[in-house]
Amino acid sequence: MEKLRVIITGSTGMVGEGVLHECLNHPEIGQVLVINRKPCGVVHPGFTEIIHQDFTELSPVREKLTGYDACFFCAGVSSVGMKEPEYTRITYTLTLAFATTLAELNPAMTFCYVSGASTDSTEKGKIMWARVKGKTENDLAKLPFRQVFNFRPAFMTPTPGLKNVNSYYKYITWLVPILKLLMPNSISTLKVVGVAMINVTLRGYEKRVLEVIDIKKVGGTEK
């Protein structure tokens, strides 16, 4: 079996960098293409990077996006301080434009989208970000990919040694053992999230929306 060729977005952020790390070190991944607005500083024989500013307009790089087996879409922003129209543009419009192009070019692709715990699938709740994420999940599922998986991680412990760790993590690491004890289905490692994306691409999964308990099930045992 040929090794997988995957596309990753958001690799200059914590989640994307963690997923990229797992892909570059996985025996069944052959090539990784990252698409960023700025360089991520990675050097690896199986790694290619495209710097591109507008994810809603991919025609300048379109020919470079064919022949891939999976996309791990990890790009995203916090909704803190944002109005709904701007958050919708970045979270929904950008994601759907990018995914629609990939579905046209690679209909046999698996698309994995990093959403979030408590996302609102009804699109009618009171929490703005949860509604927007819910609409994004729902409309991604309508695209003609081979399979679409929506990942809903909650608290993720970062992978040691990586550089794009959110600064507040160093102040709350003492909470990790308590969270694992009291709220085991609200915490996972970033490593498990990355491995889970690879595993659903290789073997599928019975659910299309993966909560933390599903991510840990398909991503393997945590240490």
C-alpha atoms as a PDB file:
ATOM      1  CA  MET A   1       0.000   0.000   0.000  1.00  0.00           C
ATOM      2  CA  GLU A   2       1.299   3.444  -0.908  1.00  0.00           C
ATOM      3  CA  LYS A   3       1.915   5.853   1.921  1.00  0.00           C
ATOM      4  CA  LEU A   4      -0.549   8.673   2.504  1.00  0.00           C
ATOM      5  CA  ARG A   5      -0.108  12.149   1.106  1.00  0.00           C
ATOM      6  CA  VAL A   6      -1.713  14.753   3.359  1.00  0.00           C
ATOM      7  CA  ILE A   7      -2.384  18.493   3.404  1.00  0.00           C
ATOM      8  CA  ILE A   8      -2.291  20.391   6.716  1.00  0.00           C
ATOM      9  CA  THR A   9      -3.441  23.927   7.462  1.00  0.00           C
ATOM     10  CA  GLY A  10      -2.723  25.903  10.608  1.00  0.00           C
ATOM     11  CA  SER A  11       0.739  24.486  11.267  1.00  0.00           C
ATOM     12  CA  THR A  12       1.929  27.801  12.727  1.00  0.00           C
ATOM     13  CA  GLY A  13      -0.562  27.283  15.568  1.00  0.00           C
ATOM     14  CA  MET A  14      -0.447  24.826  18.442  1.00  0.00           C
ATOM     15  CA  VAL A  15      -2.906  22.261  17.094  1.00  0.00           C
ATOM     16  CA  GLY A  16      -1.619  22.344  13.532  1.00  0.00           C
ATOM     17  CA  GLU A  17       1.996  22.069  14.628  1.00  0.00           C
ATOM     18  CA  GLY A  18       1.137  19.102  16.813  1.00  0.00           C
ATOM     19  CA  VAL A  19      -0.696  17.329  14.003  1.00  0.00           C
ATOM     20  CA  LEU A  20       2.178  18.086  11.610  1.00  0.00           C
ATOM     21  CA  HIS A  21       4.642  16.592  14.098  1.00  0.00           C
ATOM     22  CA  GLU A  22       2.677  13.333  14.246  1.00  0.00           C
ATOM     23  CA  CYS A  23       2.412  13.143  10.458  1.00  0.00           C
ATOM     24  CA  LEU A  24       6.130  13.686   9.891  1.00  0.00           C
ATOM     25  CA  ASN A  25       6.909  10.910  12.356  1.00  0.00           C
ATOM     26  CA  HIS A  26       4.274   8.390  11.249  1.00  0.00           C
ATOM     27  CA  PRO A  27       5.414   5.367   9.196  1.00  0.00           C
ATOM     28  CA  GLU A  28       2.322   5.440   6.961  1.00  0.00           C
ATOM     29  CA  ILE A  29       2.621   9.092   5.934  1.00  0.00           C
ATOM     30  CA  GLY A  30       4.733   9.649   2.840  1.00  0.00           C
ATOM     31  CA  GLN A  31       4.317  13.322   1.960  1.00  0.00           C
ATOM     32  CA  VAL A  32       3.033  16.335   3.874  1.00  0.00           C
ATOM     33  CA  LEU A  33       2.049  19.623   2.252  1.00  0.00           C
ATOM     34  CA  VAL A  34       1.350  22.563   4.551  1.00  0.00           C
ATOM     35  CA  ILE A  35      -0.389  25.730   3.417  1.00  0.00           C
ATOM     36  CA  ASN A  36       0.340  28.737   5.607  1.00  0.00           C
ATOM     37  CA  ARG A  37       0.290  32.501   5.507  1.00  0.00           C
ATOM     38  CA  LYS A  38       3.793  32.554   6.976  1.00  0.00           C
ATOM     39  CA  PRO A  39       6.643  29.990   7.102  1.00  0.00           C
ATOM     40  CA  CYS A  40       6.504  27.442   9.904  1.00  0.00           C
ATOM     41  CA  GLY A  41      10.248  26.790   9.910  1.00  0.00           C
ATOM     42  CA  VAL A  42      10.119  23.016   9.402  1.00  0.00           C
ATOM     43  CA  VAL A  43      12.763  21.133   7.414  1.00  0.00           C
ATOM     44  CA  HIS A  44      12.022  17.485   6.607  1.00  0.00           C
ATOM     45  CA  PRO A  45      12.509  15.281   3.523  1.00  0.00           C
ATOM     46  CA  GLY A  46       8.785  14.513   3.259  1.00  0.00           C
ATOM     47  CA  PHE A  47       7.692  18.112   3.795  1.00  0.00           C
ATOM     48  CA  THR A  48       6.570  20.832   1.352  1.00  0.00           C
ATOM     49  CA  GLU A  49       5.278  24.289   2.245  1.00  0.00           C
ATOM     50  CA  ILE A  50       3.155  26.740   0.268  1.00  0.00           C
ATOM     51  CA  ILE A  51       2.869  30.321   1.481  1.00  0.00           C
ATOM     52  CA  HIS A  52      -0.515  31.652   0.413  1.00  0.00           C
ATOM     53  CA  GLN A  53      -2.501  34.495   1.958  1.00  0.00           C
ATOM     54  CA  ASP A  54      -6.091  34.040   0.764  1.00  0.00           C
ATOM     55  CA  PHE A  55      -7.635  30.641   1.483  1.00  0.00           C
ATOM     56  CA  THR A  56     -10.833  31.692  -0.283  1.00  0.00           C
ATOM     57  CA  GLU A  57      -8.977  32.109  -3.581  1.00  0.00           C
ATOM     58  CA  LEU A  58      -6.790  29.124  -4.363  1.00  0.00           C
ATOM     59  CA  SER A  59      -6.451  29.467  -8.126  1.00  0.00           C
ATOM     60  CA  PRO A  60      -2.753  30.564  -7.920  1.00  0.00           C
ATOM     61  CA  VAL A  61      -1.841  27.289  -6.143  1.00  0.00           C
ATOM     62  CA  ARG A  62      -4.644  25.026  -7.385  1.00  0.00           C
ATOM     63  CA  GLU A  63      -2.421  22.791  -9.531  1.00  0.00           C
ATOM     64  CA  LYS A  64      -0.278  21.975  -6.496  1.00  0.00           C
ATOM     65  CA  LEU A  65      -3.198  20.584  -4.488  1.00  0.00           C
ATOM     66  CA  THR A  66      -4.016  17.460  -6.504  1.00  0.00           C
ATOM     67  CA  GLY A  67      -3.164  13.875  -5.670  1.00  0.00           C
ATOM     68  CA  TYR A  68      -3.661  14.021  -1.895  1.00  0.00           C
ATOM     69  CA  ASP A  69      -5.391  11.480   0.325  1.00  0.00           C
ATOM     70  CA  ALA A  70      -6.329  13.658   3.303  1.00  0.00           C
ATOM     71  CA  CYS A  71      -6.594  17.192   4.596  1.00  0.00           C
ATOM     72  CA  PHE A  72      -6.205  17.941   8.302  1.00  0.00           C
ATOM     73  CA  PHE A  73      -7.727  21.407   8.638  1.00  0.00           C
ATOM     74  CA  CYS A  74      -6.332  22.888  11.842  1.00  0.00           C
ATOM     75  CA  ALA A  75      -6.503  26.600  11.000  1.00  0.00           C
ATOM     76  CA  GLY A  76      -8.769  28.687  13.191  1.00  0.00           C
ATOM     77  CA  VAL A  77      -9.108  31.628  15.546  1.00  0.00           C
ATOM     78  CA  SER A  78     -10.531  32.298  18.975  1.00  0.00           C
ATOM     79  CA  SER A  79     -13.897  34.027  19.019  1.00  0.00           C
ATOM     80  CA  VAL A  80     -12.884  36.212  21.968  1.00  0.00           C
ATOM     81  CA  GLY A  81     -13.507  39.856  21.111  1.00  0.00           C
ATOM     82  CA  MET A  82     -14.883  39.079  17.650  1.00  0.00           C
ATOM     83  CA  LYS A  83     -18.253  40.000  16.185  1.00  0.00           C
ATOM     84  CA  GLU A  84     -20.246  37.236  14.491  1.00  0.00           C
ATOM     85  CA  PRO A  85     -19.782  38.447  10.875  1.00  0.00           C
ATOM     86  CA  GLU A  86     -15.991  38.508  11.141  1.00  0.00           C
ATOM     87  CA  TYR A  87     -15.832  35.213  13.034  1.00  0.00           C
ATOM     88  CA  THR A  88     -18.120  33.647  10.426  1.00  0.00           C
ATOM     89  CA  ARG A  89     -15.915  34.895   7.588  1.00  0.00           C
ATOM     90  CA  ILE A  90     -12.779  33.389   9.107  1.00  0.00           C
ATOM     91  CA  THR A  91     -14.279  30.209  10.520  1.00  0.00           C
ATOM     92  CA  TYR A  92     -17.026  29.296   8.046  1.00  0.00           C
ATOM     93  CA  THR A  93     -16.470  31.084   4.738  1.00  0.00           C
ATOM     94  CA  LEU A  94     -12.727  30.484   4.568  1.00  0.00           C
ATOM     95  CA  THR A  95     -13.010  26.826   5.586  1.00  0.00           C
ATOM     96  CA  LEU A  96     -15.804  25.992   3.155  1.00  0.00           C
ATOM     97  CA  ALA A  97     -14.066  27.752   0.254  1.00  0.00           C
ATOM     98  CA  PHE A  98     -10.863  25.838   0.903  1.00  0.00           C
ATOM     99  CA  ALA A  99     -12.641  22.513   1.356  1.00  0.00           C
ATOM    100  CA  THR A 100     -14.815  22.985  -1.733  1.00  0.00           C
ATOM    101  CA  THR A 101     -11.734  23.395  -3.905  1.00  0.00           C
ATOM    102  CA  LEU A 102     -10.123  20.292  -2.410  1.00  0.00           C
ATOM    103  CA  ALA A 103     -13.305  18.265  -2.939  1.00  0.00           C
ATOM    104  CA  GLU A 104     -13.250  19.210  -6.634  1.00  0.00           C
ATOM    105  CA  LEU A 105      -9.597  18.217  -6.984  1.00  0.00           C
ATOM    106  CA  ASN A 106      -9.494  15.179  -4.678  1.00  0.00           C
ATOM    107  CA  PRO A 107     -12.952  13.587  -4.291  1.00  0.00           C
ATOM    108  CA  ALA A 108     -11.377  10.456  -2.775  1.00  0.00           C
ATOM    109  CA  MET A 109      -9.917  12.543   0.039  1.00  0.00           C
ATOM    110  CA  THR A 110     -10.630  12.292   3.771  1.00  0.00           C
ATOM    111  CA  PHE A 111     -11.232  15.738   5.285  1.00  0.00           C
ATOM    112  CA  CYS A 112     -10.676  16.180   9.037  1.00  0.00           C
ATOM    113  CA  TYR A 113     -11.834  19.466  10.551  1.00  0.00           C
ATOM    114  CA  VAL A 114     -10.783  20.673  13.996  1.00  0.00           C
ATOM    115  CA  SER A 115     -13.963  22.038  15.544  1.00  0.00           C
ATOM    116  CA  GLY A 116     -14.425  22.154  19.318  1.00  0.00           C
ATOM    117  CA  ALA A 117     -16.230  20.648  22.274  1.00  0.00           C
ATOM    118  CA  SER A 118     -19.787  21.979  22.730  1.00  0.00           C
ATOM    119  CA  THR A 119     -20.188  22.861  19.059  1.00  0.00           C
ATOM    120  CA  ASP A 120     -23.878  23.441  18.256  1.00  0.00           C
ATOM    121  CA  SER A 121     -25.031  21.124  15.466  1.00  0.00           C
ATOM    122  CA  THR A 122     -28.500  22.727  15.477  1.00  0.00           C
ATOM    123  CA  GLU A 123     -26.983  26.105  14.511  1.00  0.00           C
ATOM    124  CA  LYS A 124     -29.671  27.741  16.705  1.00  0.00           C
ATOM    125  CA  GLY A 125     -28.111  28.052  20.147  1.00  0.00           C
ATOM    126  CA  LYS A 126     -27.233  31.220  22.046  1.00  0.00           C
ATOM    127  CA  ILE A 127     -23.447  30.809  21.849  1.00  0.00           C
ATOM    128  CA  MET A 128     -22.139  32.504  18.710  1.00  0.00           C
ATOM    129  CA  TRP A 129     -18.979  30.502  18.115  1.00  0.00           C
ATOM    130  CA  ALA A 130     -20.795  27.202  18.691  1.00  0.00           C
ATOM    131  CA  ARG A 131     -23.436  28.068  16.076  1.00  0.00           C
ATOM    132  CA  VAL A 132     -20.811  29.057  13.509  1.00  0.00           C
ATOM    133  CA  LYS A 133     -18.772  25.925  14.150  1.00  0.00           C
ATOM    134  CA  GLY A 134     -21.944  23.855  13.886  1.00  0.00           C
ATOM    135  CA  LYS A 135     -22.805  25.335  10.508  1.00  0.00           C
ATOM    136  CA  THR A 136     -19.236  24.717   9.359  1.00  0.00           C
ATOM    137  CA  GLU A 137     -19.404  21.071  10.417  1.00  0.00           C
ATOM    138  CA  ASN A 138     -22.804  20.555   8.802  1.00  0.00           C
ATOM    139  CA  ASP A 139     -21.841  22.064   5.472  1.00  0.00           C
ATOM    140  CA  LEU A 140     -18.505  20.289   5.311  1.00  0.00           C
ATOM    141  CA  ALA A 141     -20.404  17.018   5.644  1.00  0.00           C
ATOM    142  CA  LYS A 142     -22.318  17.858   2.439  1.00  0.00           C
ATOM    143  CA  LEU A 143     -19.191  18.112   0.286  1.00  0.00           C
ATOM    144  CA  PRO A 144     -18.362  15.180  -2.019  1.00  0.00           C
ATOM    145  CA  PHE A 145     -15.331  13.881  -0.152  1.00  0.00           C
ATOM    146  CA  ARG A 146     -14.845  10.171   0.458  1.00  0.00           C
ATOM    147  CA  GLN A 147     -15.342  10.895   4.143  1.00  0.00           C
ATOM    148  CA  VAL A 148     -15.495  13.947   6.445  1.00  0.00           C
ATOM    149  CA  PHE A 149     -14.711  13.841  10.154  1.00  0.00           C
ATOM    150  CA  ASN A 150     -15.366  16.694  12.570  1.00  0.00           C
ATOM    151  CA  PHE A 151     -13.040  16.600  15.571  1.00  0.00           C
ATOM    152  CA  ARG A 152     -14.265  18.201  18.799  1.00  0.00           C
ATOM    153  CA  PRO A 153     -11.321  18.293  21.188  1.00  0.00           C
ATOM    154  CA  ALA A 154     -11.556  20.149  24.494  1.00  0.00           C
ATOM    155  CA  PHE A 155      -8.464  20.738  26.632  1.00  0.00           C
ATOM    156  CA  MET A 156      -5.358  19.416  24.867  1.00  0.00           C
ATOM    157  CA  THR A 157      -1.988  19.031  26.532  1.00  0.00           C
ATOM    158  CA  PRO A 158       0.726  20.160  24.109  1.00  0.00           C
ATOM    159  CA  THR A 159       3.384  17.940  22.618  1.00  0.00           C
ATOM    160  CA  PRO A 160       6.708  18.469  24.442  1.00  0.00           C
ATOM    161  CA  GLY A 161       9.364  20.322  22.483  1.00  0.00           C
ATOM    162  CA  LEU A 162       7.114  22.115  20.007  1.00  0.00           C
ATOM    163  CA  LYS A 163       7.255  25.896  19.758  1.00  0.00           C
ATOM    164  CA  ASN A 164       3.708  27.118  19.106  1.00  0.00           C
ATOM    165  CA  VAL A 165       2.274  26.344  22.535  1.00  0.00           C
ATOM    166  CA  ASN A 166      -0.266  28.865  23.800  1.00  0.00           C
ATOM    167  CA  SER A 167       1.435  30.956  26.484  1.00  0.00           C
ATOM    168  CA  TYR A 168      -1.192  30.346  29.150  1.00  0.00           C
ATOM    169  CA  TYR A 169      -0.446  26.616  29.222  1.00  0.00           C
ATOM    170  CA  LYS A 170       2.592  27.143  31.415  1.00  0.00           C
ATOM    171  CA  TYR A 171       0.331  28.595  34.101  1.00  0.00           C
ATOM    172  CA  ILE A 172      -2.230  25.807  34.124  1.00  0.00           C
ATOM    173  CA  THR A 173      -0.192  22.632  33.684  1.00  0.00           C
ATOM    174  CA  TRP A 174      -0.706  21.899  37.371  1.00  0.00           C
ATOM    175  CA  LEU A 175      -4.407  21.376  36.561  1.00  0.00           C
ATOM    176  CA  VAL A 176      -3.788  18.510  34.139  1.00  0.00           C
ATOM    177  CA  PRO A 177      -3.732  15.650  36.722  1.00  0.00           C
ATOM    178  CA  ILE A 178      -6.917  17.032  38.309  1.00  0.00           C
ATOM    179  CA  LEU A 179      -8.700  17.289  34.961  1.00  0.00           C
ATOM    180  CA  LYS A 180      -7.671  13.758  34.044  1.00  0.00           C
ATOM    181  CA  LEU A 181      -9.150  12.531  37.318  1.00  0.00           C
ATOM    182  CA  LEU A 182     -12.349  14.588  37.432  1.00  0.00           C
ATOM    183  CA  MET A 183     -13.098  15.184  33.734  1.00  0.00           C
ATOM    184  CA  PRO A 184     -11.366  12.449  31.721  1.00  0.00           C
ATOM    185  CA  ASN A 185     -13.619  13.036  28.711  1.00  0.00           C
ATOM    186  CA  SER A 186     -12.654  16.711  28.531  1.00  0.00           C
ATOM    187  CA  ILE A 187      -8.916  16.314  28.166  1.00  0.00           C
ATOM    188  CA  SER A 188      -6.549  14.607  25.741  1.00  0.00           C
ATOM    189  CA  THR A 189      -3.035  15.011  24.471  1.00  0.00           C
ATOM    190  CA  LEU A 190      -2.390  16.784  21.194  1.00  0.00           C
ATOM    191  CA  LYS A 191      -0.467  13.689  20.130  1.00  0.00           C
ATOM    192  CA  VAL A 192      -3.624  11.594  20.395  1.00  0.00           C
ATOM    193  CA  VAL A 193      -5.556  14.117  18.284  1.00  0.00           C
ATOM    194  CA  GLY A 194      -2.960  13.915  15.512  1.00  0.00           C
ATOM    195  CA  VAL A 195      -2.772  10.126  15.583  1.00  0.00           C
ATOM    196  CA  ALA A 196      -6.572   9.910  15.561  1.00  0.00           C
ATOM    197  CA  MET A 197      -6.717  11.950  12.346  1.00  0.00           C
ATOM    198  CA  ILE A 198      -4.252   9.617  10.700  1.00  0.00           C
ATOM    199  CA  ASN A 199      -6.114   6.531  11.926  1.00  0.00           C
ATOM    200  CA  VAL A 200      -9.554   7.618  10.683  1.00  0.00           C
ATOM    201  CA  THR A 201      -7.992   8.306   7.292  1.00  0.00           C
ATOM    202  CA  LEU A 202      -6.455   4.847   7.182  1.00  0.00           C
ATOM    203  CA  ARG A 203      -9.287   2.834   8.700  1.00  0.00           C
ATOM    204  CA  GLY A 204     -12.390   5.025   8.940  1.00  0.00           C
ATOM    205  CA  TYR A 205     -14.619   5.365  11.997  1.00  0.00           C
ATOM    206  CA  GLU A 206     -18.286   4.702  12.691  1.00  0.00           C
ATOM    207  CA  LYS A 207     -18.994   8.312  13.722  1.00  0.00           C
ATOM    208  CA  ARG A 208     -18.484  11.455  11.683  1.00  0.00           C
ATOM    209  CA  VAL A 209     -18.358  13.732  14.735  1.00  0.00           C
ATOM    210  CA  LEU A 210     -15.647  12.735  17.178  1.00  0.00           C
ATOM    211  CA  GLU A 211     -15.948  13.962  20.746  1.00  0.00           C
ATOM    212  CA  VAL A 212     -13.013  13.630  23.147  1.00  0.00           C
ATOM    213  CA  ILE A 213     -13.961  10.069  24.103  1.00  0.00           C
ATOM    214  CA  ASP A 214     -13.931   9.082  20.409  1.00  0.00           C
ATOM    215  CA  ILE A 215     -10.665  10.882  19.723  1.00  0.00           C
ATOM    216  CA  LYS A 216      -8.987   8.991  22.550  1.00  0.00           C
ATOM    217  CA  LYS A 217     -10.501   5.712  21.415  1.00  0.00           C
ATOM    218  CA  VAL A 218      -9.246   5.980  17.852  1.00  0.00           C
ATOM    219  CA  GLY A 219      -6.027   7.828  18.714  1.00  0.00           C
ATOM    220  CA  GLY A 220      -4.634   5.211  21.056  1.00  0.00           C
ATOM    221  CA  THR A 221      -3.616   4.956  24.693  1.00  0.00           C
ATOM    222  CA  GLU A 222      -2.377   8.107  26.404  1.00  0.00           C
ATOM    223  CA  LYS A 223       0.535   8.183  28.770  1.00  0.00           C
END
